[in-house]
Amino acid sequence: MRFYEYESRAIVKRAGIPVTDYALARTAEEAREIAERIGGPVVIKSQVLSGGRMKAGGVRFADTPDEAADHAEAILALEIGGHMPRGVLVDPKAQVTQEYYAGVVWDGLRKRPVLIFSPVGGIDIEQVAAEQPEKVGRRHLSTIQPFSDFLAKEAIAETGVTGRSLTRITPILARLARLFLEHDMTLAEVNPLGELEDGSFVALDAHMDMENEARPRQRALLAELGVRDDETRQAREPTAFELAGEEVDAIDHRGVAGNVTEFDGDLGLVIGAGGGSLTLFDAVRAHGGRPANYCEIGGNPSVRKACGLAKLVLQKPGVDKIAVMMSIVSNTRVDIVARGVIKACLELGYEPAEKIAIFRIPGAWEDEGFKILERYGVEYCDRSVSMHEAARRAVEKIEGAGPPPDPAAMRQTSAEIGGQRDA
């Protein structure tokens, strides 16, 4: 789940990291009053959960309280990335001598958090890493052993920062790392971290993302911030199809049938969880297929849950067939998934052999599962057939499959799904 900037600032302040004298305004008049209290130039920033605020006109500067009110009124009526702002953050315009970047993010390859620091702040850290790699310091963190401030000091010193700046930034970066670990974050970022004229440091902006599954553990923090239980906090509101997917997953406690994401395609997917699901999704697109959805199933779900997910996908408008595919499974019974998807077809009045384009799940109880599929004439694959080949066969059965999509678009799509999975 994502936090608004004003909430991220509150989390940072709660951790002992210095912040500016900001405040949230929900009306133009409140923005005027806050600007009067600050007593100087201010920045008015839209509070939305999407990026691109500056380009969209959601960040403006004001020299007087009246100007702050005028800007606030315009920004409060401005939709950005499909979101209307919750309010505007009124922030003093700080006199900064240098901007730094400080962040902690989950490294999916190493399966550990990584601490990142750069003396080049105010821009995307990806751009700095590409153009000035020597200006980016990194240190991976343990999620088991206590965090040591020395790791933060090493990451900072690696970029050439020394002396008083090194001494003053180290505890800030260390507090950010502990915040990340204590609150189950997937992202904790201060960009920019500003160095003021008097040599002190202050967080001028902050971004926080937390694991969705951590909400029960972080109930006290969320209550303190005023985050309601019914707030999804995604980049966009879930569709009716996606909400129905959550209901399927809630049928019982056995296994998972979740992370349902809606797309506009004709091939429905019932695919295994983790990296295999992303691989299969991209494989379908690489062969010219148009997925109707993304989802994840695994952890030995019940027949009822597998059936519920398959029925949901089969009933999605525009879906011609479904592909049921996973990598080799050990924690999911193949026969149970087979029973579930065939049950879904029969209950909807479909012939399983016609609606199931391919079934490729090798692993536990596969012989029993394959016997069930044979009985209903469903084409299936064992582990000798790769996931990419299975995806190709599924796409081949859909009439009018177009040419393979642009590779850049494919990467973007899988990256978006991966972000939603980790959010």
Protein backbone atom coordinates (compact mmCIF):
# COMPACT_ATOMS: atom_id res chain seq x y z
CA MET A 1 0.00 0.00 0.00
CA ARG A 2 1.06 3.55 -0.70
CA PHE A 3 1.13 6.57 1.56
CA TYR A 4 0.42 10.16 0.66
CA GLU A 5 3.36 12.51 0.97
CA TYR A 6 1.97 14.17 4.09
CA GLU A 7 1.65 10.75 5.72
CA SER A 8 5.15 9.76 4.61
CA ARG A 9 6.48 12.96 6.15
CA ALA A 10 4.70 12.06 9.40
CA ILE A 11 6.29 8.58 9.37
CA VAL A 12 9.72 10.12 8.77
CA LYS A 13 9.21 12.63 11.58
CA ARG A 14 8.01 9.84 13.87
CA ALA A 15 11.33 8.05 13.24
CA GLY A 16 13.32 11.09 14.37
CA ILE A 17 14.30 12.44 10.95
CA PRO A 18 14.07 16.26 10.73
CA VAL A 19 11.26 17.61 8.52
CA THR A 20 10.08 21.07 7.50
CA ASP A 21 7.18 22.91 9.14
CA TYR A 22 4.63 21.55 6.65
CA ALA A 23 0.86 21.13 7.04
CA LEU A 24 -2.02 19.62 5.09
CA ALA A 25 -4.76 21.89 3.75
CA ARG A 26 -8.05 20.60 2.38
CA THR A 27 -9.35 24.00 1.29
CA ALA A 28 -7.87 27.15 -0.22
CA GLU A 29 -8.63 29.07 2.98
CA GLU A 30 -6.73 26.52 5.07
CA ALA A 31 -3.78 26.90 2.69
CA ARG A 32 -3.90 30.67 3.23
CA GLU A 33 -3.87 30.28 7.00
CA ILE A 34 -0.94 27.85 6.92
CA ALA A 35 1.04 30.17 4.62
CA GLU A 36 0.37 33.08 7.00
CA ARG A 37 1.66 31.02 9.92
CA ILE A 38 4.79 30.01 8.00
CA GLY A 39 5.38 33.65 7.12
CA GLY A 40 7.38 33.38 3.91
CA PRO A 41 7.52 31.76 0.46
CA VAL A 42 5.83 28.34 0.35
CA VAL A 43 5.39 25.37 -1.96
CA ILE A 44 1.89 24.03 -2.65
CA LYS A 45 1.92 20.31 -3.53
CA SER A 46 -0.98 18.14 -4.63
CA GLN A 47 -1.61 15.09 -2.43
CA VAL A 48 -2.28 12.24 -4.83
CA LEU A 49 -0.98 8.67 -4.97
CA SER A 50 0.40 9.02 -8.50
CA GLY A 51 3.61 10.55 -9.82
CA GLY A 52 4.12 13.36 -12.32
CA ARG A 53 2.74 16.09 -10.07
CA MET A 54 5.20 18.75 -11.23
CA LYS A 55 4.57 18.16 -14.95
CA ALA A 56 0.81 18.11 -14.40
CA GLY A 57 0.86 21.45 -12.58
CA GLY A 58 0.32 19.93 -9.16
CA VAL A 59 3.34 21.65 -7.57
CA ARG A 60 3.39 25.48 -7.45
CA PHE A 61 5.30 28.17 -5.57
CA ALA A 62 3.73 31.09 -3.73
CA ASP A 63 5.28 34.21 -2.20
CA THR A 64 2.18 35.42 -0.33
CA PRO A 65 -0.75 33.82 1.54
CA ASP A 66 -3.19 35.06 -1.13
CA GLU A 67 -1.09 33.46 -3.87
CA ALA A 68 -0.94 30.24 -1.83
CA ALA A 69 -4.76 30.22 -1.61
CA ASP A 70 -5.11 30.78 -5.35
CA HIS A 71 -2.69 27.96 -6.17
CA ALA A 72 -4.37 25.64 -3.67
CA GLU A 73 -7.78 26.27 -5.21
CA ALA A 74 -6.47 25.41 -8.68
CA ILE A 75 -4.59 22.30 -7.54
CA LEU A 76 -7.52 20.96 -5.50
CA ALA A 77 -9.58 20.90 -8.72
CA LEU A 78 -6.80 19.25 -10.75
CA GLU A 79 -7.00 15.53 -11.56
CA ILE A 80 -3.59 13.85 -11.82
CA GLY A 81 -3.16 10.31 -13.07
CA GLY A 82 -6.84 9.57 -12.59
CA HIS A 83 -6.79 10.81 -8.98
CA MET A 84 -8.34 13.84 -7.38
CA PRO A 85 -6.17 15.25 -4.58
CA ARG A 86 -6.96 14.53 -0.95
CA GLY A 87 -5.61 17.98 -0.15
CA VAL A 88 -2.50 20.08 -0.68
CA LEU A 89 0.67 20.09 1.36
CA VAL A 90 1.83 23.61 2.23
CA ASP A 91 5.57 23.56 2.79
CA PRO A 92 8.10 26.34 3.52
CA LYS A 93 10.42 27.04 0.61
CA ALA A 94 13.70 25.99 2.19
CA GLN A 95 17.04 27.64 1.45
CA VAL A 96 19.00 24.58 0.35
CA THR A 97 22.72 24.47 -0.43
CA GLN A 98 22.71 20.84 -1.66
CA GLU A 99 20.19 18.07 -2.26
CA TYR A 100 20.86 14.40 -1.43
CA TYR A 101 19.02 11.13 -2.02
CA ALA A 102 18.38 8.61 0.78
CA GLY A 103 16.32 5.47 0.40
CA VAL A 104 15.74 1.85 1.28
CA VAL A 105 14.04 -0.49 -1.18
CA TRP A 106 13.40 -4.22 -1.40
CA ASP A 107 15.87 -5.97 -3.71
CA GLY A 108 13.88 -8.75 -5.40
CA LEU A 109 17.00 -10.45 -6.74
CA ARG A 110 18.87 -10.64 -3.45
CA LYS A 111 15.67 -11.04 -1.39
CA ARG A 112 16.95 -8.43 1.03
CA PRO A 113 16.46 -4.69 1.59
CA VAL A 114 19.12 -2.45 0.08
CA LEU A 115 20.15 0.92 1.50
CA ILE A 116 20.84 3.52 -1.22
CA PHE A 117 22.47 6.93 -0.88
CA SER A 118 23.56 9.60 -3.34
CA PRO A 119 24.86 13.17 -3.02
CA VAL A 120 22.85 13.89 -6.19
CA GLY A 121 19.25 14.36 -5.05
CA GLY A 122 16.07 15.87 -6.37
CA ILE A 123 15.95 13.62 -9.46
CA ASP A 124 15.18 9.94 -10.02
CA ILE A 125 17.84 7.72 -8.48
CA GLU A 126 17.63 5.50 -11.59
CA GLN A 127 18.87 8.42 -13.67
CA VAL A 128 21.75 9.07 -11.28
CA ALA A 129 22.71 5.38 -11.31
CA ALA A 130 22.76 5.36 -15.11
CA GLU A 131 24.63 8.63 -15.62
CA GLN A 132 26.83 8.84 -12.50
CA PRO A 133 27.13 5.34 -11.02
CA GLU A 134 30.06 6.41 -8.84
CA LYS A 135 27.63 8.74 -7.04
CA VAL A 136 25.42 5.91 -5.75
CA GLY A 137 26.34 3.97 -2.59
CA ARG A 138 24.59 0.72 -1.65
CA ARG A 139 24.55 -1.67 1.30
CA HIS A 140 22.25 -4.68 1.72
CA LEU A 141 20.55 -5.12 5.08
CA SER A 142 19.73 -8.19 7.11
CA THR A 143 16.12 -8.76 8.12
CA ILE A 144 17.30 -11.00 10.99
CA GLN A 145 20.31 -9.33 12.58
CA PRO A 146 20.10 -5.88 14.25
CA PHE A 147 20.89 -2.96 11.97
CA SER A 148 24.25 -1.25 12.44
CA ASP A 149 24.73 2.48 11.75
CA PHE A 150 28.08 1.57 10.25
CA LEU A 151 26.32 0.23 7.14
CA ALA A 152 24.74 3.64 6.59
CA LYS A 153 28.12 5.32 7.09
CA GLU A 154 29.74 2.99 4.54
CA ALA A 155 27.06 3.68 1.92
CA ILE A 156 27.47 7.44 2.35
CA ALA A 157 31.29 7.40 2.41
CA GLU A 158 31.32 5.28 -0.76
CA THR A 159 30.01 8.30 -2.70
CA GLY A 160 32.81 10.61 -1.50
CA VAL A 161 30.90 12.42 1.25
CA THR A 162 33.18 13.09 4.24
CA GLY A 163 33.57 15.26 7.35
CA ARG A 164 30.66 16.98 9.02
CA SER A 165 28.20 16.01 6.28
CA LEU A 166 29.05 12.33 6.72
CA THR A 167 28.60 12.60 10.47
CA ARG A 168 25.24 14.36 10.23
CA ILE A 169 23.71 12.25 7.45
CA THR A 170 24.64 8.87 8.95
CA PRO A 171 22.01 8.86 11.74
CA ILE A 172 19.34 10.05 9.29
CA LEU A 173 20.04 7.20 6.88
CA ALA A 174 20.21 4.74 9.79
CA ARG A 175 16.81 5.87 11.08
CA LEU A 176 15.37 5.47 7.60
CA ALA A 177 16.67 1.89 7.48
CA ARG A 178 15.17 1.05 10.88
CA LEU A 179 11.88 2.64 9.84
CA PHE A 180 11.86 0.38 6.76
CA LEU A 181 12.47 -2.75 8.80
CA GLU A 182 10.13 -1.94 11.69
CA HIS A 183 7.15 -1.00 9.52
CA ASP A 184 7.33 -3.70 6.81
CA MET A 185 8.06 -1.20 4.06
CA THR A 186 8.92 -2.05 0.47
CA LEU A 187 10.08 1.54 -0.13
CA ALA A 188 11.23 4.26 2.25
CA GLU A 189 12.64 7.23 0.37
CA VAL A 190 13.64 10.80 1.22
CA ASN A 191 14.29 12.71 -1.99
CA PRO A 192 15.52 15.29 -1.65
CA LEU A 193 17.24 15.34 1.71
CA GLY A 194 18.22 18.98 1.87
CA GLU A 195 21.31 20.53 3.44
CA LEU A 196 20.40 24.00 4.70
CA GLU A 197 22.60 27.09 4.91
CA ASP A 198 23.34 26.45 8.59
CA GLY A 199 24.65 22.94 7.84
CA SER A 200 21.59 21.11 9.19
CA PHE A 201 19.64 18.52 7.19
CA VAL A 202 15.90 18.21 6.60
CA ALA A 203 13.61 15.88 4.63
CA LEU A 204 12.03 17.97 1.87
CA ASP A 205 9.97 15.11 0.45
CA ALA A 206 9.25 11.48 1.35
CA HIS A 207 7.72 8.42 -0.27
CA MET A 208 6.62 5.27 1.58
CA ASP A 209 5.17 1.96 0.39
CA MET A 210 4.24 -0.83 2.79
CA GLU A 211 3.47 -4.53 2.30
CA ASN A 212 -0.30 -5.03 2.03
CA GLU A 213 -0.01 -8.15 4.15
CA ALA A 214 1.54 -6.06 6.95
CA ARG A 215 -1.59 -4.01 7.61
CA PRO A 216 -2.70 -6.11 10.61
CA ARG A 217 0.80 -5.88 12.15
CA GLN A 218 0.97 -2.13 11.53
CA ARG A 219 -2.52 -1.34 12.76
CA ALA A 220 -1.26 1.15 15.38
CA LEU A 221 0.71 3.15 12.81
CA LEU A 222 -2.19 3.18 10.33
CA ALA A 223 -4.62 4.27 13.05
CA GLU A 224 -2.25 7.08 14.04
CA LEU A 225 -2.17 8.25 10.41
CA GLY A 226 -5.93 7.92 10.01
CA VAL A 227 -5.76 5.25 7.30
CA ARG A 228 -9.07 3.39 7.11
CA ASP A 229 -9.33 -0.38 6.66
CA ASP A 230 -11.29 0.02 3.42
CA GLU A 231 -8.62 2.15 1.71
CA THR A 232 -6.84 0.07 -0.95
CA ARG A 233 -4.08 2.64 -1.55
CA GLN A 234 -3.22 1.38 -5.04
CA ALA A 235 -2.18 3.49 -8.04
CA ARG A 236 -5.77 3.11 -9.24
CA GLU A 237 -8.98 1.88 -7.69
CA PRO A 238 -9.65 -1.85 -8.22
CA THR A 239 -12.20 -2.85 -10.85
CA ALA A 240 -15.29 -4.93 -10.09
CA PHE A 241 -13.46 -7.93 -11.60
CA GLU A 242 -10.48 -7.41 -9.30
CA LEU A 243 -12.70 -7.01 -6.24
CA ALA A 244 -14.45 -10.25 -7.18
CA GLY A 245 -11.00 -11.88 -7.28
CA GLU A 246 -10.44 -10.83 -3.67
CA GLU A 247 -13.74 -12.44 -2.74
CA VAL A 248 -12.67 -15.70 -4.39
CA ASP A 249 -9.45 -15.70 -2.38
CA ALA A 250 -11.46 -15.14 0.80
CA ILE A 251 -13.60 -18.24 0.22
CA ASP A 252 -11.46 -20.23 2.64
CA HIS A 253 -8.00 -20.23 4.20
CA ARG A 254 -6.50 -22.92 1.97
CA GLY A 255 -4.06 -21.76 -0.68
CA VAL A 256 -4.16 -18.51 -2.58
CA ALA A 257 -6.06 -17.32 -5.62
CA GLY A 258 -5.19 -13.67 -5.56
CA ASN A 259 -3.43 -10.69 -7.12
CA VAL A 260 -6.14 -10.62 -9.76
CA THR A 261 -5.53 -7.81 -12.25
CA GLU A 262 -7.84 -7.02 -15.15
CA PHE A 263 -6.70 -6.59 -18.76
CA ASP A 264 -8.59 -6.24 -22.03
CA GLY A 265 -7.87 -9.54 -23.77
CA ASP A 266 -9.46 -12.79 -24.89
CA LEU A 267 -7.23 -15.43 -23.24
CA GLY A 268 -8.03 -15.91 -19.58
CA LEU A 269 -5.19 -16.97 -17.30
CA VAL A 270 -5.15 -19.24 -14.26
CA ILE A 271 -1.43 -19.27 -13.54
CA GLY A 272 0.99 -20.14 -10.74
CA ALA A 273 2.21 -17.60 -8.24
CA GLY A 274 5.58 -15.88 -7.97
CA GLY A 275 8.05 -15.31 -10.78
CA GLY A 276 6.48 -18.13 -12.80
CA SER A 277 3.25 -16.17 -13.19
CA LEU A 278 5.10 -13.13 -14.53
CA THR A 279 7.07 -15.37 -16.90
CA LEU A 280 3.89 -16.99 -18.20
CA PHE A 281 2.12 -13.65 -18.60
CA ASP A 282 4.99 -12.27 -20.66
CA ALA A 283 5.26 -15.52 -22.64
CA VAL A 284 1.62 -15.22 -23.70
CA ARG A 285 2.22 -11.67 -24.89
CA ALA A 286 5.48 -12.62 -26.61
CA HIS A 287 3.56 -15.11 -28.75
CA GLY A 288 0.99 -12.52 -29.76
CA GLY A 289 -1.61 -13.39 -27.15
CA ARG A 290 -3.85 -10.90 -25.39
CA PRO A 291 -4.26 -11.81 -21.70
CA ALA A 292 -7.63 -11.04 -20.21
CA ASN A 293 -6.18 -10.99 -16.72
CA TYR A 294 -3.25 -11.64 -14.46
CA CYS A 295 -3.62 -13.73 -11.31
CA GLU A 296 -1.75 -16.08 -8.99
CA ILE A 297 -2.89 -19.45 -7.73
CA GLY A 298 -0.94 -21.82 -5.50
CA GLY A 299 -0.29 -23.00 -1.97
CA ASN A 300 -2.62 -26.00 -2.43
CA PRO A 301 -5.96 -24.21 -2.84
CA SER A 302 -9.23 -26.07 -2.40
CA VAL A 303 -11.24 -27.30 -5.38
CA ARG A 304 -13.77 -24.64 -4.49
CA LYS A 305 -11.20 -21.86 -4.67
CA ALA A 306 -9.69 -23.09 -7.96
CA CYS A 307 -13.20 -23.40 -9.37
CA GLY A 308 -14.12 -19.90 -8.19
CA LEU A 309 -11.10 -18.31 -9.87
CA ALA A 310 -11.68 -20.20 -13.13
CA LYS A 311 -15.38 -19.26 -13.17
CA LEU A 312 -14.52 -15.62 -12.57
CA VAL A 313 -12.10 -15.58 -15.50
CA LEU A 314 -14.38 -17.60 -17.82
CA GLN A 315 -17.27 -15.19 -17.19
CA LYS A 316 -15.21 -12.11 -17.98
CA PRO A 317 -16.62 -10.47 -21.14
CA GLY A 318 -14.48 -11.18 -24.20
CA VAL A 319 -12.77 -14.29 -22.81
CA ASP A 320 -12.65 -17.07 -25.41
CA LYS A 321 -10.58 -19.69 -23.58
CA ILE A 322 -8.48 -20.07 -20.45
CA ALA A 323 -4.91 -21.30 -20.06
CA VAL A 324 -4.07 -23.09 -16.79
CA MET A 325 -0.31 -23.03 -16.35
CA MET A 326 2.33 -23.20 -13.61
CA SER A 327 5.96 -24.07 -13.17
CA ILE A 328 6.74 -27.41 -11.48
CA VAL A 329 4.78 -27.45 -8.20
CA SER A 330 5.42 -29.25 -4.96
CA ASN A 331 3.05 -27.37 -2.65
CA THR A 332 -0.03 -27.60 -4.89
CA ARG A 333 -1.84 -30.75 -5.95
CA VAL A 334 -2.26 -30.92 -9.71
CA ASP A 335 -5.42 -33.01 -9.43
CA ILE A 336 -7.12 -30.42 -7.22
CA VAL A 337 -6.51 -27.61 -9.71
CA ALA A 338 -7.68 -29.89 -12.53
CA ARG A 339 -10.89 -30.70 -10.66
CA GLY A 340 -11.48 -27.03 -9.94
CA VAL A 341 -11.14 -25.71 -13.50
CA ILE A 342 -13.16 -28.56 -15.00
CA LYS A 343 -15.88 -28.02 -12.38
CA ALA A 344 -15.98 -24.34 -13.37
CA CYS A 345 -16.48 -25.21 -17.04
CA LEU A 346 -19.23 -27.72 -16.34
CA GLU A 347 -21.11 -25.42 -13.94
CA LEU A 348 -21.10 -22.69 -16.60
CA GLY A 349 -22.32 -25.11 -19.27
CA TYR A 350 -19.05 -25.28 -21.23
CA GLU A 351 -17.17 -28.26 -22.60
CA PRO A 352 -13.82 -28.33 -20.74
CA ALA A 353 -11.97 -29.42 -23.88
CA GLU A 354 -13.30 -26.36 -25.70
CA LYS A 355 -12.73 -23.76 -22.97
CA ILE A 356 -9.38 -24.91 -21.56
CA ALA A 357 -6.79 -24.08 -24.21
CA ILE A 358 -3.93 -25.78 -22.36
CA PHE A 359 -3.24 -27.26 -18.94
CA ARG A 360 0.45 -27.22 -18.01
CA ILE A 361 0.99 -27.99 -14.32
CA PRO A 362 3.57 -30.68 -13.60
CA GLY A 363 4.29 -31.74 -10.04
CA ALA A 364 2.55 -33.26 -7.05
CA TRP A 365 -0.26 -35.73 -7.89
CA GLU A 366 0.17 -34.99 -11.60
CA ASP A 367 -0.74 -38.53 -12.73
CA GLU A 368 -4.10 -38.27 -11.00
CA GLY A 369 -4.63 -34.80 -12.44
CA PHE A 370 -3.77 -35.89 -15.97
CA LYS A 371 -6.24 -38.78 -15.76
CA ILE A 372 -9.01 -36.31 -14.91
CA LEU A 373 -8.03 -34.10 -17.84
CA GLU A 374 -7.92 -37.07 -20.22
CA ARG A 375 -11.45 -38.01 -19.23
CA TYR A 376 -12.72 -34.63 -20.44
CA GLY A 377 -10.44 -34.40 -23.47
CA VAL A 378 -8.41 -31.44 -22.19
CA GLU A 379 -4.96 -30.97 -23.73
CA TYR A 380 -2.27 -31.07 -21.06
CA CYS A 381 1.54 -30.90 -20.87
CA ASP A 382 4.03 -32.48 -18.54
CA ARG A 383 7.37 -31.00 -17.49
CA SER A 384 8.98 -31.90 -20.84
CA VAL A 385 7.07 -28.97 -22.37
CA SER A 386 8.44 -25.55 -21.39
CA MET A 387 6.24 -22.77 -20.05
CA HIS A 388 6.98 -20.73 -23.18
CA GLU A 389 5.89 -23.58 -25.44
CA ALA A 390 2.71 -24.10 -23.42
CA ALA A 391 1.94 -20.37 -23.73
CA ARG A 392 2.50 -20.60 -27.50
CA ARG A 393 0.07 -23.50 -27.81
CA ALA A 394 -2.56 -21.63 -25.81
CA VAL A 395 -2.25 -18.53 -27.99
CA GLU A 396 -2.44 -20.65 -31.13
CA LYS A 397 -5.90 -21.83 -30.13
CA ILE A 398 -7.25 -18.29 -29.92
CA GLU A 399 -8.55 -17.12 -33.30
CA GLY A 400 -7.09 -13.88 -34.65
CA ALA A 401 -4.01 -13.72 -32.42
CA GLY A 402 -2.10 -10.65 -33.51
CA PRO A 403 1.66 -10.11 -33.96
CA PRO A 404 3.97 -10.06 -30.93
CA PRO A 405 3.73 -6.73 -29.04
CA ASP A 406 6.52 -4.22 -28.69
CA PRO A 407 9.20 -5.57 -26.27
CA ALA A 408 9.31 -2.27 -24.38
CA ALA A 409 5.56 -2.46 -23.77
CA MET A 410 5.95 -6.04 -22.54
CA ARG A 411 8.61 -5.03 -20.04
CA GLN A 412 6.45 -2.18 -18.84
CA THR A 413 3.44 -4.42 -18.34
CA SER A 414 5.29 -7.08 -16.34
CA ALA A 415 7.02 -4.36 -14.30
CA GLU A 416 3.64 -2.83 -13.45
CA ILE A 417 2.30 -6.19 -12.34
CA GLY A 418 5.43 -6.82 -10.30
CA GLY A 419 4.94 -3.46 -8.59
CA GLN A 420 1.37 -4.29 -7.73
CA ARG A 421 2.42 -7.66 -6.34
CA ASP A 422 5.01 -6.04 -4.04
CA ALA A 423 2.98 -3.05 -3.05
